[in-house]
Amino acid sequence: MKLKSLTIAVVLAATSASSFAAEKEGFFIGAFGDYYDASWENVRGSAGTNVDDSTGWGAEIGYRFNDYWSARLEYADMDFDISSSNPAMTATSMDGKRYGIDGLYHINGGPFYGIFGLKNLDAVDEDLMFANVGAGYQHYFTDNFAFNAETSLYQGLDRGYTDVGAKLGLSYIFGEQGSAAAPVEPAPTVAGPMDSDNDGVIDADDQCANTPMTDAVDSKGCTLYEEKEAMMTLLVTFPHDVAEVPNGYFDDIAALATFMKENDGTSVLLEGHASAVGDADYNMQLSKKRAQDVADVLVKDGISSERVSTIGYGEERLLNTANTLEAHAQNRRVEAQVKSVERVKVLRN
């Protein structure tokens, strides 16, 4: 049980090891002392005859391919304790041999490594195969000499034996080897003034945090705005002595209605006019009717009557003062101009 607890402890230590650059490569040899905890009961066809633990020595030869992987061949000379519940038999011991091959993974290229392999164990007239997994630790005294400690769990493939083993030894790797590199500490960085929203104004001076990246800002970090003016005009002309809107202008009035819907704060003043032909008082009334008829069309197009006002100028504001048919046609009209001023964001360059 103590040896199995040691196995678990070494495995946990290996998985938690920090990064360590080994920089090792080449052939290696090693020698070790070996302890093997067997739990074989009723062996050799004899009830009550048990194989217990073994102490011995061994040797290994292998190759380290890089910082992370190596492989080895192993031989161990073993000496098993034999016990029996049969009073006629006395406790004794018996020699055994173990041959095997292992793959080793060096965690992060460092001193801890995992083990997996196959073993053939020839002992007590048994020739058995085992699969093994384990963990180890390797400490280099010099670039070539190292101390090794490891433990493994052995699972029988021919029989259901589950054993535990441990090894302590020395190894030598041939060739010129690099020493483990000490971790390089990063140079300290000096933090500059913070600008959390990346608007070019440091947090200490920024009075408008988290402004969008697309917005231009002032010296206080607040979004800049500008006024953008939009304007729409309307001109409707009328035949002689007619106040109803000609069919050809409905689309123009609808376009004005759309503009006003998009600009809620706008209103419109429709100015009605007449030519100088005929009685001035009559022309005044005619101009008012023309403006009102355009207003009625606007209201039908969805504009509130509260946003529409009218005025008639009669023949007071003639566009063309000539006494010709062309001049009279120009003067028979309703005109309007709507302006909208919108406050929009200034975009960052």
Protein backbone atom coordinates (compact mmCIF):
# COMPACT_ATOMS: atom_id res chain seq x y z
CA MET A 1 0.00 0.00 0.00
CA LYS A 2 2.84 2.40 0.82
CA LEU A 3 4.41 1.82 -2.58
CA LYS A 4 1.11 2.31 -4.38
CA SER A 5 0.63 5.61 -2.53
CA LEU A 6 4.11 6.66 -3.66
CA THR A 7 3.14 5.85 -7.24
CA ILE A 8 0.09 8.13 -7.05
CA ALA A 9 2.12 10.94 -5.46
CA VAL A 10 4.80 10.87 -8.17
CA VAL A 11 2.17 10.84 -10.94
CA LEU A 12 0.43 13.88 -9.44
CA ALA A 13 3.74 15.70 -9.09
CA ALA A 14 4.59 14.97 -12.72
CA THR A 15 1.32 16.36 -14.03
CA SER A 16 1.75 19.59 -12.05
CA ALA A 17 5.42 20.21 -12.98
CA SER A 18 6.30 23.61 -14.39
CA SER A 19 7.96 24.19 -17.75
CA PHE A 20 11.68 23.24 -17.83
CA ALA A 21 13.79 23.21 -21.00
CA ALA A 22 15.96 20.04 -20.93
CA GLU A 23 17.79 20.41 -24.25
CA LYS A 24 18.94 16.77 -24.13
CA GLU A 25 19.52 14.35 -27.01
CA GLY A 26 21.56 11.19 -27.55
CA PHE A 27 22.26 7.66 -26.28
CA PHE A 28 22.20 6.99 -22.54
CA ILE A 29 22.98 4.13 -20.17
CA GLY A 30 21.93 3.59 -16.58
CA ALA A 31 22.09 1.35 -13.53
CA PHE A 32 19.49 1.10 -10.80
CA GLY A 33 18.36 -0.59 -7.64
CA ASP A 34 14.99 -2.29 -8.07
CA TYR A 35 12.09 -3.03 -5.74
CA TYR A 36 9.11 -5.02 -7.01
CA ASP A 37 5.96 -5.64 -4.96
CA ALA A 38 4.33 -8.84 -6.28
CA SER A 39 1.07 -10.28 -5.03
CA TRP A 40 1.01 -13.73 -6.63
CA GLU A 41 -1.02 -16.30 -4.73
CA ASN A 42 -1.21 -20.08 -5.13
CA VAL A 43 1.51 -20.22 -7.78
CA ARG A 44 3.36 -23.21 -9.19
CA GLY A 45 0.21 -25.31 -8.77
CA SER A 46 0.57 -25.30 -5.03
CA ALA A 47 -2.22 -23.95 -2.84
CA GLY A 48 -0.93 -21.51 -0.28
CA THR A 49 2.37 -20.79 -2.07
CA ASN A 50 2.71 -17.05 -2.60
CA VAL A 51 5.25 -14.82 -4.31
CA ASP A 52 5.88 -11.58 -2.44
CA ASP A 53 8.25 -8.68 -3.03
CA SER A 54 11.62 -8.62 -4.76
CA THR A 55 14.76 -6.52 -4.43
CA GLY A 56 17.47 -6.47 -7.03
CA TRP A 57 19.42 -4.40 -9.49
CA GLY A 58 19.26 -3.63 -13.15
CA ALA A 59 20.67 -1.83 -16.16
CA GLU A 60 19.20 0.03 -19.09
CA ILE A 61 20.22 1.50 -22.42
CA GLY A 62 18.22 3.99 -24.46
CA TYR A 63 18.07 7.00 -26.70
CA ARG A 64 16.64 10.45 -26.05
CA PHE A 65 15.21 11.76 -29.31
CA ASN A 66 14.47 15.32 -28.18
CA ASP A 67 13.40 17.33 -25.15
CA TYR A 68 10.14 15.40 -24.93
CA TRP A 69 10.61 11.76 -25.99
CA SER A 70 13.00 8.92 -25.23
CA ALA A 71 12.97 5.11 -25.31
CA ARG A 72 14.93 2.42 -23.48
CA LEU A 73 15.59 -1.30 -23.08
CA GLU A 74 15.69 -2.64 -19.51
CA TYR A 75 17.11 -5.66 -17.72
CA ALA A 76 16.52 -6.35 -14.00
CA ASP A 77 17.94 -9.15 -11.86
CA MET A 78 15.32 -9.96 -9.21
CA ASP A 79 15.17 -11.94 -5.96
CA PHE A 80 11.60 -12.85 -4.92
CA ASP A 81 10.51 -13.84 -1.42
CA ILE A 82 8.43 -17.01 -1.40
CA SER A 83 5.97 -17.67 1.44
CA SER A 84 3.58 -20.54 2.12
CA SER A 85 0.72 -21.30 4.41
CA ASN A 86 1.77 -24.95 4.32
CA PRO A 87 3.60 -25.74 7.61
CA ALA A 88 5.72 -28.29 5.79
CA MET A 89 7.26 -25.56 3.61
CA THR A 90 9.71 -22.94 4.86
CA ALA A 91 10.00 -19.39 3.61
CA THR A 92 12.61 -19.06 0.87
CA SER A 93 13.56 -16.88 -2.05
CA MET A 94 13.96 -17.41 -5.77
CA ASP A 95 15.77 -15.56 -8.55
CA GLY A 96 13.93 -13.92 -11.42
CA LYS A 97 14.66 -11.79 -14.46
CA ARG A 98 12.78 -8.93 -16.07
CA TYR A 99 13.24 -7.71 -19.62
CA GLY A 100 11.35 -4.80 -21.10
CA ILE A 101 11.01 -1.81 -23.36
CA ASP A 102 9.68 1.59 -22.32
CA GLY A 103 8.68 4.85 -23.94
CA LEU A 104 9.20 7.98 -21.86
CA TYR A 105 7.47 11.33 -22.26
CA HIS A 106 9.29 14.20 -20.53
CA ILE A 107 6.60 16.65 -19.46
CA ASN A 108 7.30 20.10 -20.94
CA GLY A 109 10.84 18.86 -21.61
CA GLY A 110 11.47 19.00 -17.86
CA PRO A 111 12.55 16.69 -15.02
CA PHE A 112 9.26 14.81 -14.63
CA TYR A 113 8.35 12.09 -17.11
CA GLY A 114 5.64 9.54 -17.80
CA ILE A 115 6.38 5.88 -18.57
CA PHE A 116 4.58 3.27 -20.67
CA GLY A 117 5.90 -0.10 -21.79
CA LEU A 118 5.87 -3.89 -21.94
CA LYS A 119 7.76 -6.30 -19.66
CA ASN A 120 8.55 -10.01 -19.69
CA LEU A 121 9.05 -11.48 -16.21
CA ASP A 122 10.69 -14.90 -15.83
CA ALA A 123 10.39 -16.11 -12.23
CA VAL A 124 9.12 -19.03 -10.17
CA ASP A 125 8.71 -21.17 -13.29
CA GLU A 126 6.42 -18.46 -14.70
CA ASP A 127 7.04 -16.63 -17.97
CA LEU A 128 4.61 -13.71 -17.88
CA MET A 129 3.96 -10.54 -19.88
CA PHE A 130 3.02 -7.26 -18.20
CA ALA A 131 2.00 -3.83 -19.46
CA ASN A 132 3.26 -1.01 -17.30
CA VAL A 133 2.61 2.69 -16.79
CA GLY A 134 4.30 5.01 -14.34
CA ALA A 135 6.03 8.28 -13.62
CA GLY A 136 9.55 9.37 -12.80
CA TYR A 137 11.83 12.22 -11.87
CA GLN A 138 15.29 12.91 -13.30
CA HIS A 139 17.78 15.40 -11.88
CA TYR A 140 21.00 16.23 -13.74
CA PHE A 141 24.04 16.87 -11.52
CA THR A 142 26.03 17.83 -14.61
CA ASP A 143 25.14 18.14 -18.26
CA ASN A 144 25.57 14.34 -18.62
CA PHE A 145 25.09 12.63 -15.22
CA ALA A 146 21.61 12.31 -13.72
CA PHE A 147 19.83 10.77 -10.73
CA ASN A 148 16.60 8.91 -11.52
CA ALA A 149 13.64 7.90 -9.37
CA GLU A 150 10.51 6.27 -10.70
CA THR A 151 7.61 4.02 -9.89
CA SER A 152 5.32 1.98 -12.14
CA LEU A 153 2.13 -0.03 -12.03
CA TYR A 154 2.36 -3.47 -13.72
CA GLN A 155 -0.73 -5.21 -15.09
CA GLY A 156 -0.46 -8.87 -16.05
CA LEU A 157 -1.54 -9.77 -19.58
CA ASP A 158 -1.35 -13.56 -19.12
CA ARG A 159 -2.76 -13.55 -15.59
CA GLY A 160 -4.62 -10.94 -13.61
CA TYR A 161 -1.67 -9.91 -11.43
CA THR A 162 -1.43 -6.22 -10.54
CA ASP A 163 1.99 -5.29 -9.17
CA VAL A 164 3.91 -2.15 -8.29
CA GLY A 165 7.61 -1.43 -8.72
CA ALA A 166 10.09 1.32 -7.92
CA LYS A 167 13.60 2.15 -9.15
CA LEU A 168 16.43 4.42 -7.95
CA GLY A 169 19.47 4.84 -10.15
CA LEU A 170 22.02 6.85 -12.07
CA SER A 171 22.25 7.47 -15.80
CA TYR A 172 24.74 8.96 -18.23
CA ILE A 173 23.83 10.57 -21.57
CA PHE A 174 26.56 10.66 -24.21
CA GLY A 175 27.55 13.72 -26.22
CA GLU A 176 27.57 17.42 -25.57
CA GLN A 177 24.35 18.46 -23.85
CA GLY A 178 22.81 21.85 -23.19
CA SER A 179 22.11 22.92 -19.64
CA ALA A 180 18.59 23.65 -18.56
CA ALA A 181 17.78 27.23 -19.40
CA ALA A 182 16.68 29.42 -16.56
CA PRO A 183 13.30 31.04 -17.21
CA VAL A 184 13.60 34.51 -18.64
CA GLU A 185 11.66 37.07 -16.69
CA PRO A 186 9.86 39.57 -18.93
CA ALA A 187 11.03 43.13 -18.68
CA PRO A 188 8.71 45.25 -16.57
CA THR A 189 6.40 47.42 -18.59
CA VAL A 190 5.64 50.97 -17.65
CA ALA A 191 1.95 51.64 -18.01
CA GLY A 192 1.03 54.94 -19.66
CA PRO A 193 -2.10 56.98 -19.03
CA MET A 194 -5.23 54.91 -19.58
CA ASP A 195 -7.60 55.63 -22.46
CA SER A 196 -10.26 52.99 -21.92
CA ASP A 197 -12.48 53.87 -24.90
CA ASN A 198 -9.57 54.64 -27.27
CA ASP A 199 -10.91 58.05 -28.25
CA GLY A 200 -7.58 59.85 -27.82
CA VAL A 201 -8.55 61.47 -24.50
CA ILE A 202 -7.07 59.90 -21.35
CA ASP A 203 -9.48 58.68 -18.68
CA ALA A 204 -8.45 61.43 -16.25
CA ASP A 205 -9.73 64.10 -18.70
CA ASP A 206 -12.55 62.07 -20.31
CA GLN A 207 -15.99 63.34 -19.25
CA CYS A 208 -17.87 61.06 -21.65
CA ALA A 209 -16.77 57.47 -21.15
CA ASN A 210 -17.28 54.75 -23.77
CA THR A 211 -17.90 57.00 -26.76
CA PRO A 212 -18.33 54.95 -29.96
CA MET A 213 -15.16 54.41 -31.97
CA THR A 214 -16.78 56.01 -35.02
CA ASP A 215 -17.43 59.37 -33.30
CA ALA A 216 -15.12 62.37 -33.38
CA VAL A 217 -14.71 63.83 -29.89
CA ASP A 218 -13.82 67.16 -28.31
CA SER A 219 -11.10 67.81 -25.73
CA LYS A 220 -13.37 66.39 -23.01
CA GLY A 221 -13.91 63.10 -24.85
CA CYS A 222 -17.54 63.88 -25.77
CA THR A 223 -19.07 63.28 -29.20
CA LEU A 224 -18.91 66.23 -31.59
CA TYR A 225 -22.11 67.28 -33.42
CA GLU A 226 -22.81 69.51 -36.39
CA GLU A 227 -26.04 70.96 -37.81
CA LYS A 228 -26.99 69.60 -41.20
CA GLU A 229 -29.57 71.55 -43.24
CA ALA A 230 -32.00 69.88 -45.66
CA MET A 231 -34.45 71.81 -47.87
CA MET A 232 -37.35 70.92 -50.14
CA THR A 233 -39.21 73.28 -52.51
CA LEU A 234 -42.59 72.99 -54.25
CA LEU A 235 -43.96 74.80 -57.28
CA VAL A 236 -47.45 74.15 -58.64
CA THR A 237 -48.74 76.16 -61.61
CA PHE A 238 -52.40 76.52 -62.60
CA PRO A 239 -54.41 77.16 -65.78
CA HIS A 240 -56.23 80.50 -66.16
CA ASP A 241 -58.99 81.02 -63.57
CA VAL A 242 -58.49 77.50 -62.03
CA ALA A 243 -57.91 76.71 -58.31
CA GLU A 244 -57.83 72.88 -58.41
CA VAL A 245 -54.38 71.20 -58.41
CA PRO A 246 -53.59 69.84 -61.87
CA ASN A 247 -53.08 66.05 -61.92
CA GLY A 248 -49.44 66.39 -62.98
CA TYR A 249 -48.43 67.84 -59.58
CA PHE A 250 -49.73 65.15 -57.21
CA ASP A 251 -46.37 63.35 -57.23
CA ASP A 252 -44.52 66.58 -56.35
CA ILE A 253 -46.88 67.21 -53.42
CA ALA A 254 -46.46 63.58 -52.28
CA ALA A 255 -42.68 64.04 -52.29
CA LEU A 256 -43.07 67.10 -50.05
CA ALA A 257 -45.28 65.06 -47.71
CA THR A 258 -42.62 62.34 -47.49
CA PHE A 259 -39.95 64.92 -46.65
CA MET A 260 -42.09 66.35 -43.86
CA LYS A 261 -42.75 62.88 -42.45
CA GLU A 262 -39.00 62.25 -42.30
CA ASN A 263 -38.49 65.59 -40.57
CA ASP A 264 -41.08 65.72 -37.81
CA GLY A 265 -40.30 69.21 -36.62
CA THR A 266 -41.04 70.88 -39.94
CA SER A 267 -44.08 72.86 -41.07
CA VAL A 268 -44.95 74.47 -44.39
CA LEU A 269 -46.42 77.79 -45.56
CA LEU A 270 -48.13 77.48 -48.93
CA GLU A 271 -48.08 80.79 -50.82
CA GLY A 272 -50.79 81.23 -53.47
CA HIS A 273 -50.43 83.69 -56.41
CA ALA A 274 -52.44 84.90 -59.42
CA SER A 275 -51.66 86.74 -62.65
CA ALA A 276 -52.53 90.40 -63.20
CA VAL A 277 -55.37 89.55 -65.59
CA GLY A 278 -58.80 90.54 -64.24
CA ASP A 279 -60.01 92.07 -60.96
CA ALA A 280 -57.45 92.31 -58.17
CA ASP A 281 -59.89 91.32 -55.40
CA TYR A 282 -60.98 88.29 -57.38
CA ASN A 283 -57.35 87.32 -58.00
CA MET A 284 -56.67 87.55 -54.25
CA GLN A 285 -59.45 85.07 -53.48
CA LEU A 286 -58.30 82.83 -56.33
CA SER A 287 -54.73 82.71 -54.97
CA LYS A 288 -56.03 81.73 -51.51
CA LYS A 289 -58.10 78.91 -53.02
CA ARG A 290 -55.09 77.64 -54.93
CA ALA A 291 -52.97 77.50 -51.74
CA GLN A 292 -55.78 75.79 -49.83
CA ASP A 293 -56.27 73.16 -52.52
CA VAL A 294 -52.58 72.21 -52.33
CA ALA A 295 -52.92 72.08 -48.51
CA ASP A 296 -55.87 69.68 -48.82
CA VAL A 297 -53.77 67.34 -50.96
CA LEU A 298 -50.95 67.43 -48.38
CA VAL A 299 -53.35 66.53 -45.59
CA LYS A 300 -54.69 63.63 -47.68
CA ASP A 301 -51.07 62.47 -48.04
CA GLY A 302 -50.81 62.15 -44.24
CA ILE A 303 -49.57 65.55 -43.04
CA SER A 304 -51.36 67.01 -40.02
CA SER A 305 -53.32 70.17 -40.84
CA GLU A 306 -51.61 71.79 -37.85
CA ARG A 307 -48.35 71.67 -39.75
CA VAL A 308 -49.79 73.28 -42.89
CA SER A 309 -50.69 76.95 -43.30
CA THR A 310 -51.67 78.99 -46.34
CA ILE A 311 -51.59 82.58 -47.54
CA GLY A 312 -52.81 84.28 -50.73
CA TYR A 313 -50.94 87.16 -52.36
CA GLY A 314 -53.16 87.62 -55.41
CA GLU A 315 -51.26 89.62 -58.02
CA GLU A 316 -49.00 91.38 -55.48
CA ARG A 317 -45.89 89.25 -56.11
CA LEU A 318 -45.63 88.66 -59.81
CA LEU A 319 -42.73 86.60 -61.05
CA ASN A 320 -42.99 88.15 -64.50
CA THR A 321 -44.54 91.59 -64.97
CA ALA A 322 -44.82 91.34 -68.77
CA ASN A 323 -48.29 91.38 -70.30
CA THR A 324 -47.89 88.13 -72.21
CA LEU A 325 -49.47 84.69 -72.08
CA GLU A 326 -46.16 83.20 -70.95
CA ALA A 327 -45.81 85.72 -68.10
CA HIS A 328 -49.38 85.15 -66.97
CA ALA A 329 -48.79 81.34 -66.88
CA GLN A 330 -45.70 81.82 -64.68
CA ASN A 331 -47.62 83.98 -62.22
CA ARG A 332 -50.52 81.52 -61.68
CA ARG A 333 -48.81 79.40 -59.02
CA VAL A 334 -48.48 78.02 -55.46
CA GLU A 335 -44.97 77.79 -54.06
CA ALA A 336 -43.44 76.60 -50.78
CA GLN A 337 -40.07 75.99 -49.17
CA VAL A 338 -39.44 73.65 -46.22
CA LYS A 339 -36.16 73.59 -44.30
CA SER A 340 -34.95 71.03 -41.77
CA VAL A 341 -31.92 71.41 -39.53
CA GLU A 342 -30.67 68.10 -38.10
CA ARG A 343 -28.03 67.66 -35.40
CA VAL A 344 -25.74 64.85 -36.58
CA LYS A 345 -22.57 63.27 -35.23
CA VAL A 346 -19.20 64.19 -36.69
CA LEU A 347 -17.46 61.01 -37.79
CA ARG A 348 -13.88 60.29 -36.79
CA ASN A 349 -11.33 60.39 -39.62
